[in-house]
C-alpha cells in the first residue's frame, strides 16, 4: 500500500505539471489543441485515485476475510493487479510528458 501511495502522489503531481505545461503551450499559441490529452490525463488521475481506494478497501477486507490460504491468495493476486494497473498508468502519463516537444523558433544554428 505504501508503494501505491508513493505512485499516487508522484503521478498526480506529474499530471498536474503536465496539465499546466499544456496550458502554457495553448496560451502561447492562442488556441486549444490538447483536449484529447487533457481527457486522458484526467481519466488516468481518476483511475489512480480509484485504484488507491480499491487497495485500501482490499487491505481492510483481507484483514477481515483473509483467513484461509485460498482467500489470501485471491487478495494478494488482486493487489498485484492493482499495482500493475498503477504502474501502467504511471508509464502512460510519463510517455505523455515526454511526448511534449520543445518549441525552438530557429533551429538552423
N, C-alpha and C. Protein backbone atom coordinates (compact mmCIF):
# COMPACT_ATOMS: atom_id res chain seq x y z
N UNK A 1 0.83 -1.19 0.00
CA UNK A 1 0.00 0.00 0.00
C UNK A 1 0.87 1.25 0.00
N UNK A 2 2.02 1.17 0.68
CA UNK A 2 2.92 2.32 0.69
C UNK A 2 3.40 2.66 -0.72
N UNK A 3 3.67 1.62 -1.51
CA UNK A 3 4.12 1.83 -2.89
C UNK A 3 3.03 2.56 -3.69
N UNK A 4 1.80 2.16 -3.50
CA UNK A 4 0.70 2.81 -4.22
C UNK A 4 0.55 4.28 -3.81
N UNK A 5 0.76 4.55 -2.54
CA UNK A 5 0.69 5.94 -2.07
C UNK A 5 1.77 6.80 -2.70
N UNK A 6 2.97 6.25 -2.82
CA UNK A 6 4.06 6.99 -3.45
C UNK A 6 3.77 7.18 -4.94
N UNK A 7 3.33 6.14 -5.62
CA UNK A 7 2.99 6.25 -7.04
C UNK A 7 1.88 7.28 -7.23
N UNK A 8 0.87 7.24 -6.37
CA UNK A 8 -0.25 8.18 -6.48
C UNK A 8 0.23 9.62 -6.30
N UNK A 9 1.03 9.87 -5.28
CA UNK A 9 1.48 11.23 -5.00
C UNK A 9 2.36 11.76 -6.14
N UNK A 10 3.30 10.97 -6.59
CA UNK A 10 4.20 11.42 -7.65
C UNK A 10 3.45 11.59 -8.97
N UNK A 11 2.61 10.65 -9.29
CA UNK A 11 1.92 10.69 -10.57
C UNK A 11 0.90 11.82 -10.63
N UNK A 12 0.18 12.06 -9.55
CA UNK A 12 -0.77 13.16 -9.56
C UNK A 12 -0.06 14.51 -9.67
N UNK A 13 1.10 14.63 -9.03
CA UNK A 13 1.88 15.86 -9.17
C UNK A 13 2.37 16.01 -10.61
N UNK A 14 2.83 14.93 -11.20
CA UNK A 14 3.27 14.97 -12.60
C UNK A 14 2.12 15.29 -13.54
N UNK A 15 0.96 14.72 -13.28
CA UNK A 15 -0.21 15.01 -14.11
C UNK A 15 -0.59 16.49 -14.01
N UNK A 16 -0.50 17.05 -12.83
CA UNK A 16 -0.78 18.47 -12.66
C UNK A 16 0.22 19.33 -13.42
N UNK A 17 1.50 18.97 -13.35
CA UNK A 17 2.52 19.71 -14.10
C UNK A 17 2.32 19.57 -15.61
N UNK A 18 1.94 18.40 -16.05
CA UNK A 18 1.66 18.19 -17.47
C UNK A 18 0.49 19.05 -17.91
N UNK A 19 -0.53 19.11 -17.10
CA UNK A 19 -1.70 19.94 -17.41
C UNK A 19 -1.30 21.41 -17.51
N UNK A 20 -0.47 21.88 -16.59
CA UNK A 20 0.00 23.27 -16.63
C UNK A 20 0.87 23.53 -17.86
N UNK A 21 1.69 22.58 -18.23
CA UNK A 21 2.53 22.74 -19.43
C UNK A 21 1.66 22.85 -20.68
N UNK A 22 0.61 22.06 -20.74
CA UNK A 22 -0.31 22.15 -21.88
C UNK A 22 -1.00 23.50 -21.91
N UNK A 23 -1.36 24.02 -20.73
CA UNK A 23 -1.95 25.37 -20.66
C UNK A 23 -1.00 26.41 -21.23
N UNK A 24 0.27 26.33 -20.86
CA UNK A 24 1.25 27.31 -21.33
C UNK A 24 1.43 27.24 -22.84
N UNK A 25 1.47 26.05 -23.38
CA UNK A 25 1.61 25.89 -24.83
C UNK A 25 0.39 26.47 -25.54
N UNK A 26 -0.79 26.17 -25.04
CA UNK A 26 -2.01 26.70 -25.66
C UNK A 26 -2.08 28.21 -25.56
N UNK A 27 -1.69 28.76 -24.43
CA UNK A 27 -1.69 30.22 -24.27
C UNK A 27 -0.70 30.87 -25.23
N UNK A 28 0.45 30.26 -25.40
CA UNK A 28 1.47 30.81 -26.30
C UNK A 28 0.99 30.83 -27.75
N UNK A 29 0.22 29.82 -28.12
CA UNK A 29 -0.27 29.73 -29.50
C UNK A 29 -1.66 30.34 -29.68
N UNK A 30 -2.31 30.67 -28.59
CA UNK A 30 -3.61 31.31 -28.66
C UNK A 30 -4.73 30.41 -29.15
N UNK A 31 -4.57 29.12 -28.97
CA UNK A 31 -5.64 28.19 -29.37
C UNK A 31 -5.54 26.90 -28.58
N UNK A 32 -6.65 26.21 -28.49
CA UNK A 32 -6.69 24.93 -27.79
C UNK A 32 -6.30 23.83 -28.76
N UNK A 33 -5.60 22.82 -28.26
CA UNK A 33 -5.20 21.75 -29.15
C UNK A 33 -4.91 20.44 -28.45
N UNK A 34 -5.13 20.38 -27.16
CA UNK A 34 -4.77 19.19 -26.40
C UNK A 34 -5.97 18.59 -25.65
N UNK A 35 -7.15 18.71 -26.22
CA UNK A 35 -8.33 18.24 -25.49
C UNK A 35 -8.29 16.73 -25.25
N UNK A 36 -7.83 15.97 -26.22
CA UNK A 36 -7.76 14.51 -26.03
C UNK A 36 -6.73 14.16 -24.97
N UNK A 37 -5.59 14.85 -24.99
CA UNK A 37 -4.55 14.57 -24.00
C UNK A 37 -5.03 14.96 -22.60
N UNK A 38 -5.72 16.09 -22.50
CA UNK A 38 -6.26 16.51 -21.19
C UNK A 38 -7.27 15.49 -20.66
N UNK A 39 -8.11 14.99 -21.55
CA UNK A 39 -9.10 13.99 -21.16
C UNK A 39 -8.39 12.73 -20.65
N UNK A 40 -7.32 12.33 -21.34
CA UNK A 40 -6.55 11.16 -20.91
C UNK A 40 -5.89 11.37 -19.56
N UNK A 41 -5.35 12.58 -19.34
CA UNK A 41 -4.72 12.89 -18.05
C UNK A 41 -5.76 12.84 -16.94
N UNK A 42 -6.91 13.44 -17.19
CA UNK A 42 -7.98 13.45 -16.18
C UNK A 42 -8.45 12.03 -15.88
N UNK A 43 -8.59 11.23 -16.93
CA UNK A 43 -9.05 9.86 -16.75
C UNK A 43 -8.02 9.03 -15.97
N UNK A 44 -6.74 9.19 -16.33
CA UNK A 44 -5.68 8.45 -15.63
C UNK A 44 -5.63 8.84 -14.16
N UNK A 45 -5.75 10.14 -13.87
CA UNK A 45 -5.74 10.60 -12.47
C UNK A 45 -6.94 10.01 -11.71
N UNK A 46 -8.07 9.98 -12.34
CA UNK A 46 -9.25 9.39 -11.70
C UNK A 46 -9.08 7.91 -11.42
N UNK A 47 -8.51 7.20 -12.39
CA UNK A 47 -8.26 5.77 -12.18
C UNK A 47 -7.25 5.54 -11.06
N UNK A 48 -6.21 6.38 -11.00
CA UNK A 48 -5.22 6.22 -9.93
C UNK A 48 -5.86 6.39 -8.56
N UNK A 49 -6.71 7.38 -8.44
CA UNK A 49 -7.40 7.60 -7.16
C UNK A 49 -8.32 6.43 -6.86
N UNK A 50 -9.07 5.98 -7.86
CA UNK A 50 -9.97 4.84 -7.68
C UNK A 50 -9.23 3.57 -7.30
N UNK A 51 -8.10 3.33 -7.95
CA UNK A 51 -7.31 2.14 -7.62
C UNK A 51 -6.74 2.22 -6.21
N UNK A 52 -6.36 3.42 -5.78
CA UNK A 52 -5.87 3.57 -4.41
C UNK A 52 -6.98 3.28 -3.40
N UNK A 53 -8.17 3.78 -3.67
CA UNK A 53 -9.31 3.49 -2.79
C UNK A 53 -9.60 1.99 -2.78
N UNK A 54 -9.54 1.36 -3.94
CA UNK A 54 -9.77 -0.09 -4.02
C UNK A 54 -8.70 -0.85 -3.21
N UNK A 55 -7.46 -0.38 -3.26
CA UNK A 55 -6.38 -1.03 -2.50
C UNK A 55 -6.62 -0.89 -0.99
N UNK A 56 -7.10 0.28 -0.57
CA UNK A 56 -7.40 0.47 0.85
C UNK A 56 -8.51 -0.49 1.28
N UNK A 57 -9.57 -0.57 0.47
CA UNK A 57 -10.68 -1.48 0.80
C UNK A 57 -10.21 -2.93 0.78
N UNK A 58 -9.32 -3.27 -0.15
CA UNK A 58 -8.78 -4.62 -0.23
C UNK A 58 -7.98 -4.97 1.02
N UNK A 59 -7.21 -4.01 1.51
CA UNK A 59 -6.42 -4.23 2.72
C UNK A 59 -7.32 -4.50 3.92
N UNK A 60 -8.39 -3.72 4.03
CA UNK A 60 -9.34 -3.92 5.13
C UNK A 60 -10.05 -5.26 4.99
N UNK A 61 -10.46 -5.58 3.76
CA UNK A 61 -11.16 -6.85 3.53
C UNK A 61 -10.25 -8.04 3.80
N UNK A 62 -8.98 -7.94 3.42
CA UNK A 62 -8.06 -9.05 3.65
C UNK A 62 -7.87 -9.30 5.14
N UNK A 63 -7.80 -8.22 5.92
CA UNK A 63 -7.65 -8.39 7.37
C UNK A 63 -8.86 -9.09 7.97
N UNK A 64 -10.05 -8.79 7.43
CA UNK A 64 -11.27 -9.38 7.99
C UNK A 64 -11.59 -10.75 7.40
N UNK A 65 -11.32 -10.95 6.11
CA UNK A 65 -11.78 -12.16 5.44
C UNK A 65 -10.67 -13.10 4.99
N UNK A 66 -9.43 -12.67 5.07
CA UNK A 66 -8.32 -13.48 4.57
C UNK A 66 -7.83 -14.51 5.55
N UNK A 67 -8.70 -15.40 5.97
CA UNK A 67 -8.32 -16.40 6.97
C UNK A 67 -7.79 -17.68 6.35
N UNK A 68 -8.31 -18.05 5.19
CA UNK A 68 -7.86 -19.28 4.53
C UNK A 68 -6.76 -18.95 3.52
N UNK A 69 -5.99 -19.97 3.17
CA UNK A 69 -4.89 -19.77 2.22
C UNK A 69 -5.41 -19.32 0.86
N UNK A 70 -6.55 -19.91 0.40
CA UNK A 70 -7.08 -19.54 -0.90
C UNK A 70 -7.56 -18.10 -0.93
N UNK A 71 -8.12 -17.61 0.18
CA UNK A 71 -8.60 -16.23 0.20
C UNK A 71 -7.43 -15.25 0.24
N UNK A 72 -6.38 -15.61 0.96
CA UNK A 72 -5.20 -14.75 0.96
C UNK A 72 -4.56 -14.68 -0.43
N UNK A 73 -4.56 -15.81 -1.12
CA UNK A 73 -4.05 -15.83 -2.49
C UNK A 73 -4.89 -14.94 -3.40
N UNK A 74 -6.19 -14.98 -3.23
CA UNK A 74 -7.09 -14.14 -4.03
C UNK A 74 -6.84 -12.66 -3.74
N UNK A 75 -6.72 -12.29 -2.48
CA UNK A 75 -6.46 -10.90 -2.11
C UNK A 75 -5.09 -10.43 -2.62
N UNK A 76 -4.08 -11.29 -2.48
CA UNK A 76 -2.74 -10.91 -2.94
C UNK A 76 -2.70 -10.77 -4.46
N UNK A 77 -3.37 -11.65 -5.17
CA UNK A 77 -3.43 -11.55 -6.63
C UNK A 77 -4.12 -10.28 -7.08
N UNK A 78 -5.20 -9.94 -6.40
CA UNK A 78 -5.91 -8.70 -6.72
C UNK A 78 -5.02 -7.49 -6.44
N UNK A 79 -4.28 -7.53 -5.35
CA UNK A 79 -3.36 -6.44 -5.02
C UNK A 79 -2.29 -6.29 -6.10
N UNK A 80 -1.79 -7.40 -6.62
CA UNK A 80 -0.78 -7.33 -7.69
C UNK A 80 -1.38 -6.75 -8.97
N UNK A 81 -2.62 -7.07 -9.26
CA UNK A 81 -3.28 -6.49 -10.44
C UNK A 81 -3.44 -4.98 -10.27
N UNK A 82 -3.82 -4.56 -9.08
CA UNK A 82 -3.94 -3.12 -8.80
C UNK A 82 -2.59 -2.43 -8.96
N UNK A 83 -1.54 -3.05 -8.46
CA UNK A 83 -0.20 -2.49 -8.60
C UNK A 83 0.21 -2.40 -10.07
N UNK A 84 -0.08 -3.44 -10.84
CA UNK A 84 0.24 -3.45 -12.26
C UNK A 84 -0.47 -2.30 -12.99
N UNK A 85 -1.76 -2.10 -12.71
CA UNK A 85 -2.50 -1.01 -13.35
C UNK A 85 -1.93 0.35 -12.95
N UNK A 86 -1.51 0.50 -11.71
CA UNK A 86 -0.88 1.75 -11.28
C UNK A 86 0.40 2.01 -12.07
N UNK A 87 1.20 1.00 -12.23
CA UNK A 87 2.45 1.15 -12.98
C UNK A 87 2.16 1.48 -14.44
N UNK A 88 1.17 0.82 -15.03
CA UNK A 88 0.81 1.10 -16.43
C UNK A 88 0.32 2.54 -16.60
N UNK A 89 -0.46 3.03 -15.66
CA UNK A 89 -0.91 4.42 -15.72
C UNK A 89 0.25 5.38 -15.54
N UNK A 90 1.18 5.04 -14.67
CA UNK A 90 2.38 5.85 -14.48
C UNK A 90 3.19 5.92 -15.77
N UNK A 91 3.34 4.80 -16.44
CA UNK A 91 4.06 4.76 -17.72
C UNK A 91 3.33 5.60 -18.76
N UNK A 92 2.02 5.48 -18.82
CA UNK A 92 1.24 6.24 -19.78
C UNK A 92 1.40 7.74 -19.59
N UNK A 93 1.32 8.19 -18.35
CA UNK A 93 1.49 9.63 -18.09
C UNK A 93 2.92 10.08 -18.35
N UNK A 94 3.88 9.23 -18.07
CA UNK A 94 5.28 9.57 -18.34
C UNK A 94 5.51 9.71 -19.84
N UNK A 95 4.93 8.83 -20.62
CA UNK A 95 5.04 8.94 -22.08
C UNK A 95 4.40 10.24 -22.56
N UNK A 96 3.31 10.65 -21.92
CA UNK A 96 2.67 11.91 -22.27
C UNK A 96 3.57 13.10 -22.01
N UNK A 97 4.28 13.05 -20.90
CA UNK A 97 5.22 14.14 -20.58
C UNK A 97 6.33 14.20 -21.62
N UNK A 98 6.89 13.07 -21.98
CA UNK A 98 7.99 13.05 -22.94
C UNK A 98 7.54 13.29 -24.38
N UNK A 99 6.24 13.22 -24.63
CA UNK A 99 5.73 13.48 -25.97
C UNK A 99 5.70 14.98 -26.28
N UNK A 100 5.75 15.82 -25.26
CA UNK A 100 5.74 17.27 -25.48
C UNK A 100 7.13 17.68 -25.93
N UNK A 101 7.18 18.22 -27.13
CA UNK A 101 8.46 18.62 -27.71
C UNK A 101 8.76 20.08 -27.41
N UNK A 102 10.01 20.42 -27.41
CA UNK A 102 10.44 21.81 -27.20
C UNK A 102 10.07 22.64 -28.42
N UNK A 103 9.70 23.86 -28.17
CA UNK A 103 9.39 24.79 -29.26
C UNK A 103 10.62 25.65 -29.49
N UNK A 104 11.29 25.38 -30.59
CA UNK A 104 12.51 26.13 -30.91
C UNK A 104 12.21 26.97 -32.14
N UNK A 105 12.34 28.28 -31.98
CA UNK A 105 11.98 29.21 -33.05
C UNK A 105 12.93 29.10 -34.24
N UNK A 106 14.21 29.01 -34.00
CA UNK A 106 15.18 28.98 -35.07
C UNK A 106 16.10 27.78 -34.88
N UNK A 107 15.87 26.73 -35.67
CA UNK A 107 16.64 25.50 -35.49
C UNK A 107 17.86 25.43 -36.39
N UNK A 108 18.22 26.50 -37.10
CA UNK A 108 19.32 26.44 -38.06
C UNK A 108 20.61 27.04 -37.52
N UNK A 109 20.96 26.74 -36.29
CA UNK A 109 22.22 27.24 -35.70
C UNK A 109 23.37 26.42 -36.10
